[in-house]
Amino acid sequence: MTHVTRMPHVVCVPDSFKGSATAAEAAAALARGAREVFPQAQITELPFADGGEGTLEALLAVWGQEAEELEVLDAIGRPATALVGRSADGRTAVLEAAQGNGLPQVSDVPLQPRRTDTYGVGLIAQHLLDTAPGGTQVEEILLCIGGSASTDGGTGLLRALGVEFLDDAGAPVAPGGQGLAEIAAVDVSGLHPRAAEVRWRIAVDVDNPLTGERGAAAVFGPQKGADEDDVAALDAGLSHLAGVLAAHTGAAAEDYREAAGFGAAGGIPVGLVSLLGAEVVPGSQMVGEAVGLAESLAEADIVLTGEGSLDSQSLGGKVVEAVRRNAPAGAAVVVIAGTVKLTAAECRDAGLTGAFSIAPGAAELDQLLERAPELITQTAAQACGLLAHGR
């Protein structure tokens, strides 16, 4: 393990520990542990996320801002309360789609995979486009799309922003996945005037295409309540939607059906990319740019990161991988996690200095959850002690 011989610059940049500590709480706990060993060190706390659940909270913690609360609709059209956030200068907004189409919001009733849609997400976006606190309008929307209950190709979101999806008779099709196969034309004449002016960046952490065996309906539909018939109908609907959108934009339909990541969150990317020029980016990259990850790590001697479970997925575009990739070559990169499922060799091969579980021994999950901040601090202090003394 790297031997630190001078007072180091320590950067604490964890993901949340799901169910036990937010990213901000975890960063503070890591910092407390580092401070026990290096009381005079420069210690930076940088809560992080991978573009999924917890990204809104993490970004607001870094920006020093409070969330806005507004009334929207859930994935089946019932009144719901949503949170959204803006950067300190008001020019960047972060929108978690699950605030308007989240699966937990509709889990109190039988799941309706063909009916659920993203209209509530569009209402949040509409609010961001219509309001300008302090006189500053949003110029960029960071859209985090995990945890969705819908498979509508983003059509509900676009309807809330003024786009109409019409059948052969010129009438609006039914909302949700159930109406996709009936779409004959797309009318953008009523599109919100600012919707195509702002920069949309969609955080995606899967590479699934829109349709087919690895598509939105086949892979993610069952967890949203879709049976075999539903999956077939939704997949056919998304395929048809891709064809209609391609005809409208002049693109090739297969480009929309097969593009990596377009199957995320029920196909939200296909509608926004085709009609609003949205960009699809890895979630950790999007968040890293938003919080200045590379700049924050540039002078680091020790980097403490962490998450609930360190496993092979952690090395595939998640928080730990983003931190390792942006850390200086000479920095010690240490992972503090609820559980560590990688071997020492796997950690070394991944460029990690070490990885430590916060579990003090045999313990029940509930005990670990209750004591997570305390255990994170203790484990961070132990890791920093090894770095300090070269043991």
Protein backbone atom coordinates (compact mmCIF):
# COMPACT_ATOMS: atom_id res chain seq x y z
CA MET A 1 0.00 0.00 0.00
CA THR A 2 1.18 3.52 -0.79
CA HIS A 3 3.15 5.12 2.04
CA VAL A 4 2.20 8.77 2.64
CA THR A 5 5.11 10.68 4.20
CA ARG A 6 3.75 14.22 4.19
CA MET A 7 0.48 15.88 5.12
CA PRO A 8 -1.73 14.79 2.22
CA HIS A 9 -4.56 16.33 0.28
CA VAL A 10 -7.48 13.95 0.80
CA VAL A 11 -10.57 13.92 -1.42
CA CYS A 12 -13.66 12.04 -0.20
CA VAL A 13 -15.86 11.24 -3.19
CA PRO A 14 -18.36 8.43 -2.47
CA ASP A 15 -21.67 7.31 -3.90
CA SER A 16 -24.55 6.88 -1.48
CA PHE A 17 -24.75 3.75 0.66
CA LYS A 18 -28.28 2.80 -0.33
CA GLY A 19 -30.69 2.80 2.59
CA SER A 20 -28.11 3.91 5.15
CA ALA A 21 -26.20 7.03 4.10
CA THR A 22 -26.61 9.63 1.38
CA ALA A 23 -23.57 10.52 -0.69
CA ALA A 24 -23.19 13.72 1.35
CA GLU A 25 -23.40 11.79 4.63
CA ALA A 26 -20.91 9.22 3.38
CA ALA A 27 -18.49 11.95 2.26
CA ALA A 28 -18.69 13.60 5.68
CA ALA A 29 -18.11 10.24 7.40
CA LEU A 30 -15.06 9.52 5.24
CA ALA A 31 -13.71 12.99 6.00
CA ARG A 32 -14.09 12.44 9.75
CA GLY A 33 -12.09 9.24 9.49
CA ALA A 34 -9.34 10.90 7.45
CA ARG A 35 -9.19 13.80 9.89
CA GLU A 36 -8.52 11.42 12.80
CA VAL A 37 -5.26 10.41 11.14
CA PHE A 38 -4.40 13.61 9.26
CA PRO A 39 -5.81 16.44 11.43
CA GLN A 40 -3.95 19.15 9.53
CA ALA A 41 -4.61 17.82 6.04
CA GLN A 42 -6.60 19.54 3.34
CA ILE A 43 -9.74 17.40 3.09
CA THR A 44 -12.34 17.88 0.36
CA GLU A 45 -15.83 16.39 0.49
CA LEU A 46 -17.39 15.71 -2.92
CA PRO A 47 -20.63 13.67 -2.84
CA PHE A 48 -21.00 11.77 -6.09
CA ALA A 49 -23.50 9.62 -8.03
CA ASP A 50 -23.68 7.64 -11.26
CA GLY A 51 -26.72 9.34 -12.76
CA GLY A 52 -29.21 7.01 -11.08
CA GLU A 53 -31.03 7.24 -7.78
CA GLY A 54 -29.47 9.83 -5.48
CA THR A 55 -28.02 12.02 -8.24
CA LEU A 56 -30.33 14.95 -7.48
CA GLU A 57 -29.38 14.85 -3.83
CA ALA A 58 -25.66 14.51 -4.55
CA LEU A 59 -25.55 17.39 -7.02
CA LEU A 60 -27.52 19.70 -4.76
CA ALA A 61 -25.12 18.92 -1.91
CA VAL A 62 -22.15 19.92 -4.09
CA TRP A 63 -23.93 22.98 -5.45
CA GLY A 64 -25.10 24.05 -2.00
CA GLN A 65 -28.69 24.36 -3.20
CA GLU A 66 -32.11 23.24 -1.95
CA ALA A 67 -34.52 21.15 -4.02
CA GLU A 68 -37.66 22.73 -5.46
CA GLU A 69 -40.94 20.94 -4.81
CA LEU A 70 -43.79 20.94 -7.31
CA GLU A 71 -47.02 19.11 -8.03
CA VAL A 72 -47.03 16.76 -11.02
CA LEU A 73 -48.64 13.46 -12.01
CA ASP A 74 -47.32 9.95 -11.47
CA ALA A 75 -46.94 7.27 -14.16
CA ILE A 76 -50.69 6.50 -14.16
CA GLY A 77 -51.86 10.11 -13.98
CA ARG A 78 -52.45 10.58 -10.26
CA PRO A 79 -51.35 13.74 -8.40
CA ALA A 80 -47.80 13.42 -7.08
CA THR A 81 -45.13 15.63 -5.55
CA ALA A 82 -41.76 15.88 -7.28
CA LEU A 83 -38.39 17.39 -6.45
CA VAL A 84 -36.07 19.08 -8.93
CA GLY A 85 -32.86 21.06 -8.52
CA ARG A 86 -30.80 23.82 -10.11
CA SER A 87 -27.17 24.81 -9.90
CA ALA A 88 -26.16 27.90 -7.94
CA ASP A 89 -26.08 30.02 -11.10
CA GLY A 90 -29.45 28.66 -12.23
CA ARG A 91 -28.21 27.61 -15.64
CA THR A 92 -28.12 23.85 -15.06
CA ALA A 93 -30.99 21.74 -13.76
CA VAL A 94 -31.02 18.13 -12.62
CA LEU A 95 -34.22 16.16 -13.16
CA GLU A 96 -34.69 12.63 -11.85
CA ALA A 97 -37.31 11.08 -14.12
CA ALA A 98 -38.45 8.73 -11.34
CA GLN A 99 -39.90 11.78 -9.60
CA GLY A 100 -42.59 11.75 -12.30
CA ASN A 101 -42.72 8.14 -13.53
CA GLY A 102 -41.10 6.12 -10.76
CA LEU A 103 -42.06 2.51 -10.15
CA PRO A 104 -42.35 2.94 -6.35
CA GLN A 105 -44.97 5.66 -6.83
CA VAL A 106 -47.39 3.22 -8.48
CA SER A 107 -46.54 0.06 -6.54
CA ASP A 108 -49.64 0.49 -4.36
CA VAL A 109 -51.87 -0.70 -7.23
CA PRO A 110 -51.59 -3.54 -9.76
CA LEU A 111 -48.89 -2.63 -12.29
CA GLN A 112 -50.16 -1.39 -15.65
CA PRO A 113 -47.23 -1.75 -18.06
CA ARG A 114 -49.09 -0.65 -21.19
CA ARG A 115 -50.72 2.38 -19.58
CA THR A 116 -47.88 3.99 -17.61
CA ASP A 117 -46.17 6.95 -19.24
CA THR A 118 -43.67 9.78 -18.76
CA TYR A 119 -46.11 12.71 -18.83
CA GLY A 120 -45.27 13.62 -15.23
CA VAL A 121 -41.59 13.85 -16.17
CA GLY A 122 -42.55 16.28 -18.90
CA LEU A 123 -44.43 18.43 -16.39
CA ILE A 124 -41.22 18.79 -14.36
CA ALA A 125 -39.31 19.74 -17.50
CA GLN A 126 -42.03 22.22 -18.43
CA HIS A 127 -41.66 23.86 -15.02
CA LEU A 128 -37.91 24.21 -15.55
CA LEU A 129 -38.41 25.79 -18.96
CA ASP A 130 -41.15 28.16 -17.76
CA THR A 131 -39.52 29.51 -14.60
CA ALA A 132 -36.41 31.60 -14.08
CA PRO A 133 -35.61 32.15 -10.39
CA GLY A 134 -33.48 35.26 -10.04
CA GLY A 135 -34.07 36.02 -13.71
CA THR A 136 -31.82 33.21 -14.98
CA GLN A 137 -33.26 30.63 -17.33
CA VAL A 138 -32.11 27.02 -17.40
CA GLU A 139 -29.73 26.34 -20.28
CA GLU A 140 -29.02 22.67 -19.63
CA ILE A 141 -31.15 19.84 -18.24
CA LEU A 142 -29.40 16.79 -16.78
CA LEU A 143 -31.98 14.02 -17.03
CA CYS A 144 -31.48 10.96 -14.81
CA ILE A 145 -33.80 8.21 -16.00
CA GLY A 146 -33.45 5.19 -13.68
CA GLY A 147 -36.28 3.53 -11.78
CA SER A 148 -39.04 4.09 -14.31
CA ALA A 149 -42.45 2.42 -14.40
CA SER A 150 -43.09 3.23 -18.06
CA THR A 151 -42.30 1.94 -21.55
CA ASP A 152 -43.51 4.75 -23.78
CA GLY A 153 -40.41 5.85 -25.68
CA GLY A 154 -40.55 9.23 -23.97
CA THR A 155 -43.80 10.14 -25.72
CA GLY A 156 -45.52 11.22 -22.50
CA LEU A 157 -42.69 13.60 -21.66
CA LEU A 158 -42.88 15.08 -25.13
CA ARG A 159 -46.67 15.42 -24.96
CA ALA A 160 -46.28 17.51 -21.80
CA LEU A 161 -43.97 19.77 -23.81
CA GLY A 162 -46.50 20.21 -26.61
CA VAL A 163 -45.76 17.42 -29.10
CA GLU A 164 -48.77 15.51 -30.47
CA PHE A 165 -48.69 11.87 -31.52
CA LEU A 166 -51.57 11.30 -33.93
CA ASP A 167 -53.27 8.26 -35.45
CA ASP A 168 -54.44 7.79 -39.05
CA ALA A 169 -57.52 9.90 -38.35
CA GLY A 170 -55.48 12.77 -36.92
CA ALA A 171 -56.58 12.10 -33.34
CA PRO A 172 -54.19 11.77 -30.38
CA VAL A 173 -53.28 8.16 -29.61
CA ALA A 174 -53.77 6.66 -26.16
CA PRO A 175 -50.99 7.53 -23.69
CA GLY A 176 -48.34 5.06 -22.65
CA GLY A 177 -47.01 2.06 -24.50
CA GLN A 178 -50.52 1.02 -25.49
CA GLY A 179 -50.77 3.79 -28.09
CA LEU A 180 -47.36 3.53 -29.74
CA ALA A 181 -48.39 1.14 -32.50
CA GLU A 182 -51.19 3.52 -33.56
CA ILE A 183 -48.95 6.55 -34.17
CA ALA A 184 -49.11 7.69 -37.78
CA ALA A 185 -47.73 11.21 -37.48
CA VAL A 186 -45.85 13.51 -35.12
CA ASP A 187 -46.92 17.15 -34.82
CA VAL A 188 -44.29 19.41 -33.25
CA SER A 189 -45.99 22.70 -34.05
CA GLY A 190 -47.01 23.11 -30.41
CA LEU A 191 -43.59 22.21 -28.95
CA HIS A 192 -42.53 24.42 -26.07
CA PRO A 193 -40.43 27.20 -27.63
CA ARG A 194 -37.46 26.54 -25.32
CA ALA A 195 -37.56 22.75 -25.35
CA ALA A 196 -35.22 22.40 -28.32
CA GLU A 197 -33.04 25.36 -27.28
CA VAL A 198 -31.76 23.96 -23.99
CA ARG A 199 -29.10 21.28 -23.88
CA TRP A 200 -30.49 17.91 -22.80
CA ARG A 201 -28.08 15.32 -21.41
CA ILE A 202 -29.52 11.92 -20.53
CA ALA A 203 -27.64 9.85 -17.97
CA VAL A 204 -27.63 6.19 -19.04
CA ASP A 205 -25.84 3.30 -17.32
CA VAL A 206 -27.00 0.47 -19.60
CA ASP A 207 -26.24 -0.21 -23.26
CA ASN A 208 -29.49 -1.94 -24.15
CA PRO A 209 -31.00 -1.03 -27.54
CA LEU A 210 -34.58 0.14 -27.91
CA THR A 211 -36.02 -3.12 -29.29
CA GLY A 212 -35.31 -6.81 -29.62
CA GLU A 213 -34.15 -9.47 -27.16
CA ARG A 214 -32.08 -6.93 -25.21
CA GLY A 215 -34.54 -4.09 -25.70
CA ALA A 216 -36.53 -1.96 -23.30
CA ALA A 217 -39.62 -4.18 -23.24
CA ALA A 218 -37.90 -7.57 -23.15
CA VAL A 219 -35.32 -6.79 -20.48
CA PHE A 220 -37.00 -4.20 -18.27
CA GLY A 221 -40.70 -4.72 -19.02
CA PRO A 222 -41.22 -7.69 -16.66
CA GLN A 223 -40.08 -5.71 -13.61
CA LYS A 224 -42.75 -3.16 -14.55
CA GLY A 225 -45.46 -5.82 -14.61
CA ALA A 226 -45.30 -6.87 -18.26
CA ASP A 227 -46.19 -10.46 -19.12
CA GLU A 228 -45.22 -12.19 -22.36
CA ASP A 229 -48.05 -10.58 -24.35
CA ASP A 230 -47.29 -7.15 -22.91
CA VAL A 231 -43.61 -7.47 -23.79
CA ALA A 232 -44.45 -8.39 -27.38
CA ALA A 233 -46.92 -5.51 -27.73
CA LEU A 234 -44.59 -2.96 -26.15
CA ASP A 235 -41.62 -4.08 -28.24
CA ALA A 236 -43.68 -3.82 -31.42
CA GLY A 237 -44.90 -0.39 -30.34
CA LEU A 238 -41.39 0.90 -29.69
CA SER A 239 -40.23 -0.48 -33.05
CA HIS A 240 -43.11 1.30 -34.77
CA LEU A 241 -42.35 4.53 -32.89
CA ALA A 242 -38.73 4.36 -34.06
CA GLY A 243 -39.94 4.08 -37.63
CA VAL A 244 -42.28 7.06 -37.30
CA LEU A 245 -39.64 9.21 -35.64
CA ALA A 246 -37.09 8.23 -38.28
CA ALA A 247 -39.47 9.22 -41.05
CA HIS A 248 -40.09 12.54 -39.30
CA THR A 249 -36.40 13.35 -38.83
CA GLY A 250 -34.91 11.73 -41.91
CA ALA A 251 -32.87 9.26 -39.91
CA ALA A 252 -32.64 5.50 -40.41
CA ALA A 253 -35.14 3.58 -38.27
CA GLU A 254 -32.54 0.96 -37.39
CA ASP A 255 -30.32 3.66 -35.93
CA TYR A 256 -33.03 4.39 -33.38
CA ARG A 257 -33.90 0.74 -32.77
CA GLU A 258 -30.31 -0.41 -32.27
CA ALA A 259 -28.49 2.54 -30.69
CA ALA A 260 -26.80 1.59 -27.43
CA GLY A 261 -28.62 2.96 -24.40
CA PHE A 262 -31.86 3.81 -26.17
CA GLY A 263 -33.59 0.99 -24.27
CA ALA A 264 -33.03 2.68 -20.92
CA ALA A 265 -36.09 3.68 -18.87
CA GLY A 266 -38.65 2.38 -21.33
CA GLY A 267 -37.02 4.06 -24.32
CA ILE A 268 -37.01 7.66 -23.07
CA PRO A 269 -33.84 8.47 -25.06
CA VAL A 270 -35.32 7.75 -28.49
CA GLY A 271 -37.97 10.48 -28.28
CA LEU A 272 -35.67 13.11 -26.80
CA VAL A 273 -32.72 12.42 -29.09
CA SER A 274 -34.84 12.42 -32.23
CA LEU A 275 -36.97 15.48 -31.52
CA LEU A 276 -34.93 17.57 -29.06
CA GLY A 277 -31.36 16.69 -30.02
CA ALA A 278 -30.63 15.22 -26.59
CA GLU A 279 -27.26 13.61 -25.84
CA VAL A 280 -26.98 10.17 -24.24
CA VAL A 281 -23.97 9.96 -21.91
CA PRO A 282 -22.72 7.61 -19.18
CA GLY A 283 -24.19 8.77 -15.89
CA SER A 284 -20.90 8.99 -14.01
CA GLN A 285 -19.41 11.09 -16.81
CA MET A 286 -22.36 13.48 -16.73
CA VAL A 287 -22.20 13.90 -12.96
CA GLY A 288 -18.41 14.17 -13.01
CA GLU A 289 -18.55 17.09 -15.41
CA ALA A 290 -21.33 18.74 -13.43
CA VAL A 291 -19.40 18.67 -10.13
CA GLY A 292 -15.91 19.18 -11.54
CA LEU A 293 -14.60 15.74 -10.59
CA ALA A 294 -11.36 15.90 -12.56
CA GLU A 295 -10.52 19.33 -11.18
CA SER A 296 -11.27 18.28 -7.60
CA LEU A 297 -9.03 15.22 -7.88
CA ALA A 298 -6.16 16.88 -9.73
CA GLU A 299 -4.02 17.55 -6.61
CA ALA A 300 -5.21 14.60 -4.50
CA ASP A 301 -2.75 12.38 -2.66
CA ILE A 302 -5.41 10.12 -1.16
CA VAL A 303 -8.82 9.49 -2.70
CA LEU A 304 -11.45 7.86 -0.51
CA THR A 305 -14.45 6.60 -2.42
CA GLY A 306 -17.18 4.09 -1.65
CA GLU A 307 -20.62 2.62 -2.14
CA GLY A 308 -22.88 0.02 -0.67
CA SER A 309 -21.34 -2.94 -2.49
CA LEU A 310 -18.05 -3.13 -4.39
CA ASP A 311 -18.37 -5.75 -7.12
CA SER A 312 -17.67 -6.23 -10.81
CA GLN A 313 -20.41 -3.77 -11.77
CA SER A 314 -18.57 -1.08 -9.81
CA LEU A 315 -15.85 -1.22 -12.46
CA GLY A 316 -18.22 -0.74 -15.39
CA GLY A 317 -18.92 2.97 -15.50
CA LYS A 318 -20.16 3.40 -11.94
CA VAL A 319 -18.87 5.83 -9.30
CA VAL A 320 -15.77 3.87 -8.25
CA GLU A 321 -14.60 3.49 -11.84
CA ALA A 322 -15.17 7.20 -12.59
CA VAL A 323 -13.18 8.16 -9.50
CA ARG A 324 -10.33 5.79 -10.33
CA ARG A 325 -10.21 6.99 -13.92
CA ASN A 326 -9.97 10.65 -12.89
CA ALA A 327 -7.56 10.24 -9.97
CA PRO A 328 -3.93 11.33 -10.46
CA ALA A 329 -1.50 8.52 -11.30
CA GLY A 330 0.33 8.79 -7.99
CA ALA A 331 -2.69 9.00 -5.73
CA ALA A 332 -3.81 6.21 -3.42
CA VAL A 333 -7.39 5.25 -4.31
CA VAL A 334 -9.16 3.43 -1.48
CA VAL A 335 -12.70 2.06 -1.54
CA ILE A 336 -14.78 1.88 1.64
CA ALA A 337 -17.89 -0.24 1.03
CA GLY A 338 -20.65 -2.04 2.83
CA THR A 339 -19.49 -5.28 1.26
CA VAL A 340 -16.41 -6.02 -0.85
CA LYS A 341 -16.93 -8.77 -3.43
CA LEU A 342 -13.68 -8.29 -5.35
CA THR A 343 -10.46 -10.11 -4.57
CA ALA A 344 -7.26 -8.26 -3.76
CA ALA A 345 -5.95 -9.13 -7.23
CA GLU A 346 -9.09 -7.78 -8.90
CA CYS A 347 -8.74 -4.54 -6.94
CA ARG A 348 -5.10 -4.16 -7.98
CA ASP A 349 -5.93 -4.92 -11.60
CA ALA A 350 -8.61 -2.22 -11.45
CA GLY A 351 -6.08 0.34 -10.26
CA LEU A 352 -7.33 0.46 -6.67
CA THR A 353 -4.90 0.74 -3.78
CA GLY A 354 -7.22 -1.22 -1.52
CA ALA A 355 -10.81 -1.92 -0.55
CA PHE A 356 -12.27 -2.28 2.95
CA SER A 357 -15.67 -3.44 4.16
CA ILE A 358 -17.29 -1.45 6.96
CA ALA A 359 -18.58 -4.68 8.54
CA PRO A 360 -16.73 -5.07 11.86
CA GLY A 361 -17.34 -8.82 11.83
CA ALA A 362 -20.39 -11.04 11.65
CA ALA A 363 -23.31 -8.61 11.61
CA GLU A 364 -26.92 -8.43 10.51
CA LEU A 365 -27.72 -6.10 7.61
CA ASP A 366 -30.00 -3.99 9.82
CA GLN A 367 -27.12 -3.37 12.21
CA LEU A 368 -24.85 -2.23 9.42
CA LEU A 369 -27.51 0.08 8.02
CA GLU A 370 -28.12 1.71 11.39
CA ARG A 371 -24.43 2.27 12.09
CA ALA A 372 -23.23 3.00 8.55
CA PRO A 373 -21.88 6.56 9.05
CA GLU A 374 -20.02 5.52 12.21
CA LEU A 375 -18.59 2.42 10.53
CA ILE A 376 -17.57 4.36 7.43
CA THR A 377 -15.65 6.78 9.65
CA GLN A 378 -13.92 3.97 11.56
CA THR A 379 -12.94 2.14 8.38
CA ALA A 380 -11.68 5.30 6.70
CA ALA A 381 -9.49 6.00 9.75
CA GLN A 382 -8.07 2.48 9.58
CA ALA A 383 -7.26 2.82 5.89
CA CYS A 384 -5.67 6.22 6.38
CA GLY A 385 -3.66 4.83 9.28
CA LEU A 386 -2.16 2.21 7.00
CA LEU A 387 -1.33 4.86 4.43
CA ALA A 388 0.26 7.07 7.08
CA HIS A 389 2.45 4.40 8.60
CA GLY A 390 3.17 2.26 5.56
CA ARG A 391 1.91 -0.91 7.20
